[in-house]
Amino acid sequence: MPRIAPIDTAHAAAEVQATLSAVKAKIGMVPNLFTTFAQSPAVLNGYLGFSDALAKGALTAKQREIIALAVAQANGCHYCLSAHTLMGKGAGLTPEGVHAARHGKAQDALDNAVAAFAQRVAEAKGHVSDADIAAARSAGLDDGRLVEVIANVAINVLTNFTNNVALTDIDFPKVDVALAA
C-alpha cells in the first residue's frame, strides 16, 4: 500500500485532469508515479517540463533509458526498474542491453560512456573525480553531453526517491531489483 496516495483523478482540479489526460494521450496510460506527483501540481508540471526538455537534447531515447536503468539500480527503485525495463525495450534495448545498463554498461562505446558516467554520478552523489571526467571525455562525451547525463541522473533521482518514499504501486511488468552477475 502506498505511503503517499496517488490522487483520485476524478476529483482532481481541472488543470491536473487536463495534464494527466495529455499524458494518457501521449503514452497511452497514466503511470501511478504521475498521479503521485499530482499531489503537487508544481512537481507534476515541473517533472513533465524537464522531461520534455531533456527529450530534445543530444542524448538519444536509448541513452536516456540506459541512464534511467543505471540510476534506478543504484537507488534500488523497484518501480523505475520495472518501468524503464519496458520503456528501454521500446527505445531499442535488448534484454541483454537492459541488464548491461543496470550494471552501468552498454555495448556501443558512446552508450557505454553514458552508462558508466551516469552510474558514477549517481553512486558518488555528484562527487566525481577528475579521472571520471577525463574517462567520459576520452570516450566521446563532450561538455554538453556530460551536463545532459547529469540532468538525466537528477530527474531519475527525483522519480526514484519519490517511488522509494511513497511505495508507489508498480503498474508495469515487475522486474527483480536484485541483479544477477
C-alpha atoms as a PDB file:
ATOM      1  CA  MET A   1       0.000   0.000   0.000  1.00  0.00           C
ATOM      2  CA  PRO A   2       1.435   3.387  -0.949  1.00  0.00           C
ATOM      3  CA  ARG A   3       2.609   5.703   1.815  1.00  0.00           C
ATOM      4  CA  ILE A   4       1.743   8.693  -0.388  1.00  0.00           C
ATOM      5  CA  ALA A   5      -1.544   8.044  -2.130  1.00  0.00           C
ATOM      6  CA  PRO A   6      -1.963   8.829  -5.802  1.00  0.00           C
ATOM      7  CA  ILE A   7      -4.620  11.436  -6.425  1.00  0.00           C
ATOM      8  CA  ASP A   8      -8.103  10.371  -7.414  1.00  0.00           C
ATOM      9  CA  THR A   9      -8.207  11.784 -10.931  1.00  0.00           C
ATOM     10  CA  ALA A  10     -11.995  12.005 -10.878  1.00  0.00           C
ATOM     11  CA  HIS A  11     -11.789  14.532  -8.049  1.00  0.00           C
ATOM     12  CA  ALA A  12      -8.627  16.360  -9.150  1.00  0.00           C
ATOM     13  CA  ALA A  13      -8.542  20.003 -10.156  1.00  0.00           C
ATOM     14  CA  ALA A  14      -9.389  20.640 -13.807  1.00  0.00           C
ATOM     15  CA  GLU A  15      -5.786  21.663 -14.635  1.00  0.00           C
ATOM     16  CA  VAL A  16      -4.427  18.427 -13.171  1.00  0.00           C
ATOM     17  CA  GLN A  17      -7.045  16.392 -15.034  1.00  0.00           C
ATOM     18  CA  ALA A  18      -6.052  18.131 -18.268  1.00  0.00           C
ATOM     19  CA  THR A  19      -2.353  17.448 -17.654  1.00  0.00           C
ATOM     20  CA  LEU A  20      -2.962  13.781 -16.871  1.00  0.00           C
ATOM     21  CA  SER A  21      -5.229  13.453 -19.919  1.00  0.00           C
ATOM     22  CA  ALA A  22      -2.388  14.818 -22.050  1.00  0.00           C
ATOM     23  CA  VAL A  23      -0.035  12.232 -20.514  1.00  0.00           C
ATOM     24  CA  LYS A  24      -2.504   9.457 -21.330  1.00  0.00           C
ATOM     25  CA  ALA A  25      -2.864  10.702 -24.902  1.00  0.00           C
ATOM     26  CA  LYS A  26       0.919  10.782 -25.309  1.00  0.00           C
ATOM     27  CA  ILE A  27       1.921   7.456 -23.737  1.00  0.00           C
ATOM     28  CA  GLY A  28      -1.331   5.507 -23.589  1.00  0.00           C
ATOM     29  CA  MET A  29      -1.610   5.381 -19.807  1.00  0.00           C
ATOM     30  CA  VAL A  30      -1.188   7.489 -16.685  1.00  0.00           C
ATOM     31  CA  PRO A  31       1.509   5.815 -14.591  1.00  0.00           C
ATOM     32  CA  ASN A  32       0.946   5.725 -10.838  1.00  0.00           C
ATOM     33  CA  LEU A  33       4.088   7.836 -10.411  1.00  0.00           C
ATOM     34  CA  PHE A  34       2.358  10.687 -12.234  1.00  0.00           C
ATOM     35  CA  THR A  35      -0.770  10.502 -10.077  1.00  0.00           C
ATOM     36  CA  THR A  36       1.531  10.533  -7.050  1.00  0.00           C
ATOM     37  CA  PHE A  37       3.390  13.567  -8.427  1.00  0.00           C
ATOM     38  CA  ALA A  38      -0.042  15.154  -8.969  1.00  0.00           C
ATOM     39  CA  GLN A  39      -0.379  15.525  -5.193  1.00  0.00           C
ATOM     40  CA  SER A  40       1.690  18.627  -6.000  1.00  0.00           C
ATOM     41  CA  PRO A  41       0.784  20.048  -9.413  1.00  0.00           C
ATOM     42  CA  ALA A  42       4.039  22.037  -9.280  1.00  0.00           C
ATOM     43  CA  VAL A  43       6.030  18.797  -9.081  1.00  0.00           C
ATOM     44  CA  LEU A  44       3.974  17.103 -11.805  1.00  0.00           C
ATOM     45  CA  ASN A  45       4.349  20.062 -14.167  1.00  0.00           C
ATOM     46  CA  GLY A  46       7.999  20.550 -13.289  1.00  0.00           C
ATOM     47  CA  TYR A  47       8.778  16.907 -13.951  1.00  0.00           C
ATOM     48  CA  LEU A  48       6.897  16.876 -17.270  1.00  0.00           C
ATOM     49  CA  GLY A  49       8.533  20.109 -18.435  1.00  0.00           C
ATOM     50  CA  PHE A  50      12.036  18.947 -17.508  1.00  0.00           C
ATOM     51  CA  SER A  51      11.434  15.540 -19.096  1.00  0.00           C
ATOM     52  CA  ASP A  52      10.190  17.137 -22.327  1.00  0.00           C
ATOM     53  CA  ALA A  53      13.195  19.466 -22.426  1.00  0.00           C
ATOM     54  CA  LEU A  54      15.651  16.588 -21.924  1.00  0.00           C
ATOM     55  CA  ALA A  55      13.948  14.621 -24.716  1.00  0.00           C
ATOM     56  CA  LYS A  56      15.001  17.425 -27.089  1.00  0.00           C
ATOM     57  CA  GLY A  57      18.663  17.234 -26.056  1.00  0.00           C
ATOM     58  CA  ALA A  58      21.646  15.497 -27.619  1.00  0.00           C
ATOM     59  CA  LEU A  59      21.153  12.174 -25.824  1.00  0.00           C
ATOM     60  CA  THR A  60      19.077   9.572 -27.638  1.00  0.00           C
ATOM     61  CA  ALA A  61      15.988   7.933 -26.148  1.00  0.00           C
ATOM     62  CA  LYS A  62      18.053   4.762 -25.756  1.00  0.00           C
ATOM     63  CA  GLN A  63      20.790   6.639 -23.879  1.00  0.00           C
ATOM     64  CA  ARG A  64      18.209   8.256 -21.596  1.00  0.00           C
ATOM     65  CA  GLU A  65      16.767   4.817 -20.820  1.00  0.00           C
ATOM     66  CA  ILE A  66      20.270   3.475 -20.134  1.00  0.00           C
ATOM     67  CA  ILE A  67      20.726   6.292 -17.621  1.00  0.00           C
ATOM     68  CA  ALA A  68      17.314   5.632 -16.066  1.00  0.00           C
ATOM     69  CA  LEU A  69      18.149   1.955 -15.584  1.00  0.00           C
ATOM     70  CA  ALA A  70      21.627   2.613 -14.167  1.00  0.00           C
ATOM     71  CA  VAL A  71      20.282   5.211 -11.715  1.00  0.00           C
ATOM     72  CA  ALA A  72      17.264   3.120 -10.699  1.00  0.00           C
ATOM     73  CA  GLN A  73      19.593   0.221  -9.959  1.00  0.00           C
ATOM     74  CA  ALA A  74      21.919   2.451  -7.938  1.00  0.00           C
ATOM     75  CA  ASN A  75      18.938   3.717  -5.921  1.00  0.00           C
ATOM     76  CA  GLY A  76      17.144   0.380  -5.630  1.00  0.00           C
ATOM     77  CA  CYS A  77      13.945   1.737  -7.179  1.00  0.00           C
ATOM     78  CA  HIS A  78      11.737  -1.243  -7.982  1.00  0.00           C
ATOM     79  CA  TYR A  79       9.113   0.947  -9.682  1.00  0.00           C
ATOM     80  CA  CYS A  80      11.614   2.653 -12.010  1.00  0.00           C
ATOM     81  CA  LEU A  81      13.462  -0.573 -12.828  1.00  0.00           C
ATOM     82  CA  SER A  82      10.129  -2.080 -13.874  1.00  0.00           C
ATOM     83  CA  ALA A  83       9.024   0.984 -15.853  1.00  0.00           C
ATOM     84  CA  HIS A  84      12.348   1.584 -17.610  1.00  0.00           C
ATOM     85  CA  THR A  85      12.861  -2.080 -18.456  1.00  0.00           C
ATOM     86  CA  LEU A  86       9.675  -1.818 -20.518  1.00  0.00           C
ATOM     87  CA  MET A  87      10.469   1.661 -21.875  1.00  0.00           C
ATOM     88  CA  GLY A  88      14.056   0.630 -22.616  1.00  0.00           C
ATOM     89  CA  LYS A  89      12.772  -2.146 -24.866  1.00  0.00           C
ATOM     90  CA  GLY A  90      10.703   0.459 -26.699  1.00  0.00           C
ATOM     91  CA  ALA A  91      13.842   2.574 -27.135  1.00  0.00           C
ATOM     92  CA  GLY A  92      15.778  -0.320 -28.665  1.00  0.00           C
ATOM     93  CA  LEU A  93      17.400  -2.040 -25.686  1.00  0.00           C
ATOM     94  CA  THR A  94      17.564  -5.813 -25.835  1.00  0.00           C
ATOM     95  CA  PRO A  95      17.179  -7.834 -22.616  1.00  0.00           C
ATOM     96  CA  GLU A  96      20.989  -8.026 -22.562  1.00  0.00           C
ATOM     97  CA  GLY A  97      21.152  -4.256 -23.060  1.00  0.00           C
ATOM     98  CA  VAL A  98      18.779  -3.693 -20.143  1.00  0.00           C
ATOM     99  CA  HIS A  99      20.909  -5.969 -17.952  1.00  0.00           C
ATOM    100  CA  ALA A 100      24.106  -4.186 -19.021  1.00  0.00           C
ATOM    101  CA  ALA A 101      22.569  -0.749 -18.363  1.00  0.00           C
ATOM    102  CA  ARG A 102      21.645  -1.813 -14.835  1.00  0.00           C
ATOM    103  CA  HIS A 103      25.363  -2.609 -14.384  1.00  0.00           C
ATOM    104  CA  GLY A 104      26.354   0.814 -15.803  1.00  0.00           C
ATOM    105  CA  LYS A 105      27.486  -0.642 -19.111  1.00  0.00           C
ATOM    106  CA  ALA A 106      26.467  -0.837 -22.770  1.00  0.00           C
ATOM    107  CA  GLN A 107      27.720  -2.498 -25.966  1.00  0.00           C
ATOM    108  CA  ASP A 108      28.203   0.669 -28.025  1.00  0.00           C
ATOM    109  CA  ALA A 109      31.221   2.737 -26.944  1.00  0.00           C
ATOM    110  CA  LEU A 110      29.329   6.037 -26.604  1.00  0.00           C
ATOM    111  CA  ASP A 111      26.373   4.390 -24.847  1.00  0.00           C
ATOM    112  CA  ASN A 112      28.859   2.686 -22.521  1.00  0.00           C
ATOM    113  CA  ALA A 113      30.410   6.066 -21.676  1.00  0.00           C
ATOM    114  CA  VAL A 114      26.935   7.453 -20.925  1.00  0.00           C
ATOM    115  CA  ALA A 115      26.087   4.440 -18.738  1.00  0.00           C
ATOM    116  CA  ALA A 116      29.370   4.474 -16.843  1.00  0.00           C
ATOM    117  CA  PHE A 117      29.322   8.215 -16.201  1.00  0.00           C
ATOM    118  CA  ALA A 118      25.665   8.154 -15.104  1.00  0.00           C
ATOM    119  CA  GLN A 119      26.346   5.298 -12.707  1.00  0.00           C
ATOM    120  CA  ARG A 120      29.374   7.110 -11.306  1.00  0.00           C
ATOM    121  CA  VAL A 121      27.437  10.389 -10.850  1.00  0.00           C
ATOM    122  CA  ALA A 122      24.617   8.545  -9.086  1.00  0.00           C
ATOM    123  CA  GLU A 123      26.826   6.458  -6.824  1.00  0.00           C
ATOM    124  CA  ALA A 124      29.156   9.368  -5.964  1.00  0.00           C
ATOM    125  CA  LYS A 125      26.193  11.734  -5.498  1.00  0.00           C
ATOM    126  CA  GLY A 126      27.860  14.057  -7.996  1.00  0.00           C
ATOM    127  CA  HIS A 127      31.281  13.989  -6.342  1.00  0.00           C
ATOM    128  CA  VAL A 128      33.057  12.508  -9.357  1.00  0.00           C
ATOM    129  CA  SER A 129      36.803  12.676  -9.790  1.00  0.00           C
ATOM    130  CA  ASP A 130      38.878  14.401 -12.451  1.00  0.00           C
ATOM    131  CA  ALA A 131      39.665  10.899 -13.717  1.00  0.00           C
ATOM    132  CA  ASP A 132      35.930  10.171 -14.101  1.00  0.00           C
ATOM    133  CA  ILE A 133      35.505  13.309 -16.220  1.00  0.00           C
ATOM    134  CA  ALA A 134      38.622  12.545 -18.265  1.00  0.00           C
ATOM    135  CA  ALA A 135      37.415   8.982 -18.931  1.00  0.00           C
ATOM    136  CA  ALA A 136      33.989  10.230 -20.050  1.00  0.00           C
ATOM    137  CA  ARG A 137      35.556  12.818 -22.343  1.00  0.00           C
ATOM    138  CA  SER A 138      38.032  10.359 -23.841  1.00  0.00           C
ATOM    139  CA  ALA A 139      35.101   8.009 -24.541  1.00  0.00           C
ATOM    140  CA  GLY A 140      33.377  10.737 -26.572  1.00  0.00           C
ATOM    141  CA  LEU A 141      31.224  12.753 -24.183  1.00  0.00           C
ATOM    142  CA  ASP A 142      31.566  16.486 -24.755  1.00  0.00           C
ATOM    143  CA  ASP A 143      30.657  19.001 -22.061  1.00  0.00           C
ATOM    144  CA  GLY A 144      27.089  19.324 -23.332  1.00  0.00           C
ATOM    145  CA  ARG A 145      26.521  15.584 -23.076  1.00  0.00           C
ATOM    146  CA  LEU A 146      28.158  15.498 -19.637  1.00  0.00           C
ATOM    147  CA  VAL A 147      25.674  18.106 -18.436  1.00  0.00           C
ATOM    148  CA  GLU A 148      22.773  16.200 -20.033  1.00  0.00           C
ATOM    149  CA  VAL A 149      23.860  12.975 -18.333  1.00  0.00           C
ATOM    150  CA  ILE A 150      23.923  14.840 -15.004  1.00  0.00           C
ATOM    151  CA  ALA A 151      20.461  16.288 -15.685  1.00  0.00           C
ATOM    152  CA  ASN A 152      19.084  12.858 -16.589  1.00  0.00           C
ATOM    153  CA  VAL A 153      20.582  11.411 -13.413  1.00  0.00           C
ATOM    154  CA  ALA A 154      18.895  14.208 -11.452  1.00  0.00           C
ATOM    155  CA  ILE A 155      15.432  13.680 -12.929  1.00  0.00           C
ATOM    156  CA  ASN A 156      15.733   9.958 -12.309  1.00  0.00           C
ATOM    157  CA  VAL A 157      16.808  10.532  -8.714  1.00  0.00           C
ATOM    158  CA  LEU A 158      13.581  12.528  -8.300  1.00  0.00           C
ATOM    159  CA  THR A 159      11.481   9.631  -9.575  1.00  0.00           C
ATOM    160  CA  ASN A 160      13.487   7.009  -7.671  1.00  0.00           C
ATOM    161  CA  PHE A 161      13.286   8.843  -4.369  1.00  0.00           C
ATOM    162  CA  THR A 162       9.590   9.626  -4.827  1.00  0.00           C
ATOM    163  CA  ASN A 163       8.792   5.985  -5.518  1.00  0.00           C
ATOM    164  CA  ASN A 164      11.022   4.725  -2.713  1.00  0.00           C
ATOM    165  CA  VAL A 165       9.395   7.093  -0.198  1.00  0.00           C
ATOM    166  CA  ALA A 166       5.829   6.756  -1.495  1.00  0.00           C
ATOM    167  CA  LEU A 167       5.997   2.998  -2.130  1.00  0.00           C
ATOM    168  CA  THR A 168       4.200   3.666  -5.401  1.00  0.00           C
ATOM    169  CA  ASP A 169       2.207   0.685  -6.655  1.00  0.00           C
ATOM    170  CA  ILE A 170       4.030  -0.730  -9.681  1.00  0.00           C
ATOM    171  CA  ASP A 171       1.839  -0.600 -12.765  1.00  0.00           C
ATOM    172  CA  PHE A 172       4.400  -2.082 -15.176  1.00  0.00           C
ATOM    173  CA  PRO A 173       5.594  -5.681 -15.562  1.00  0.00           C
ATOM    174  CA  LYS A 174       7.667  -6.191 -12.414  1.00  0.00           C
ATOM    175  CA  VAL A 175      11.373  -6.961 -12.565  1.00  0.00           C
ATOM    176  CA  ASP A 176      13.627  -8.081  -9.738  1.00  0.00           C
ATOM    177  CA  VAL A 177      15.672  -5.370  -8.055  1.00  0.00           C
ATOM    178  CA  ALA A 178      18.465  -7.845  -7.335  1.00  0.00           C
ATOM    179  CA  LEU A 179      20.941  -8.111 -10.186  1.00  0.00           C
ATOM    180  CA  ALA A 180      22.344 -11.407 -11.360  1.00  0.00           C
ATOM    181  CA  ALA A 181      26.057 -11.363 -12.065  1.00  0.00           C
END
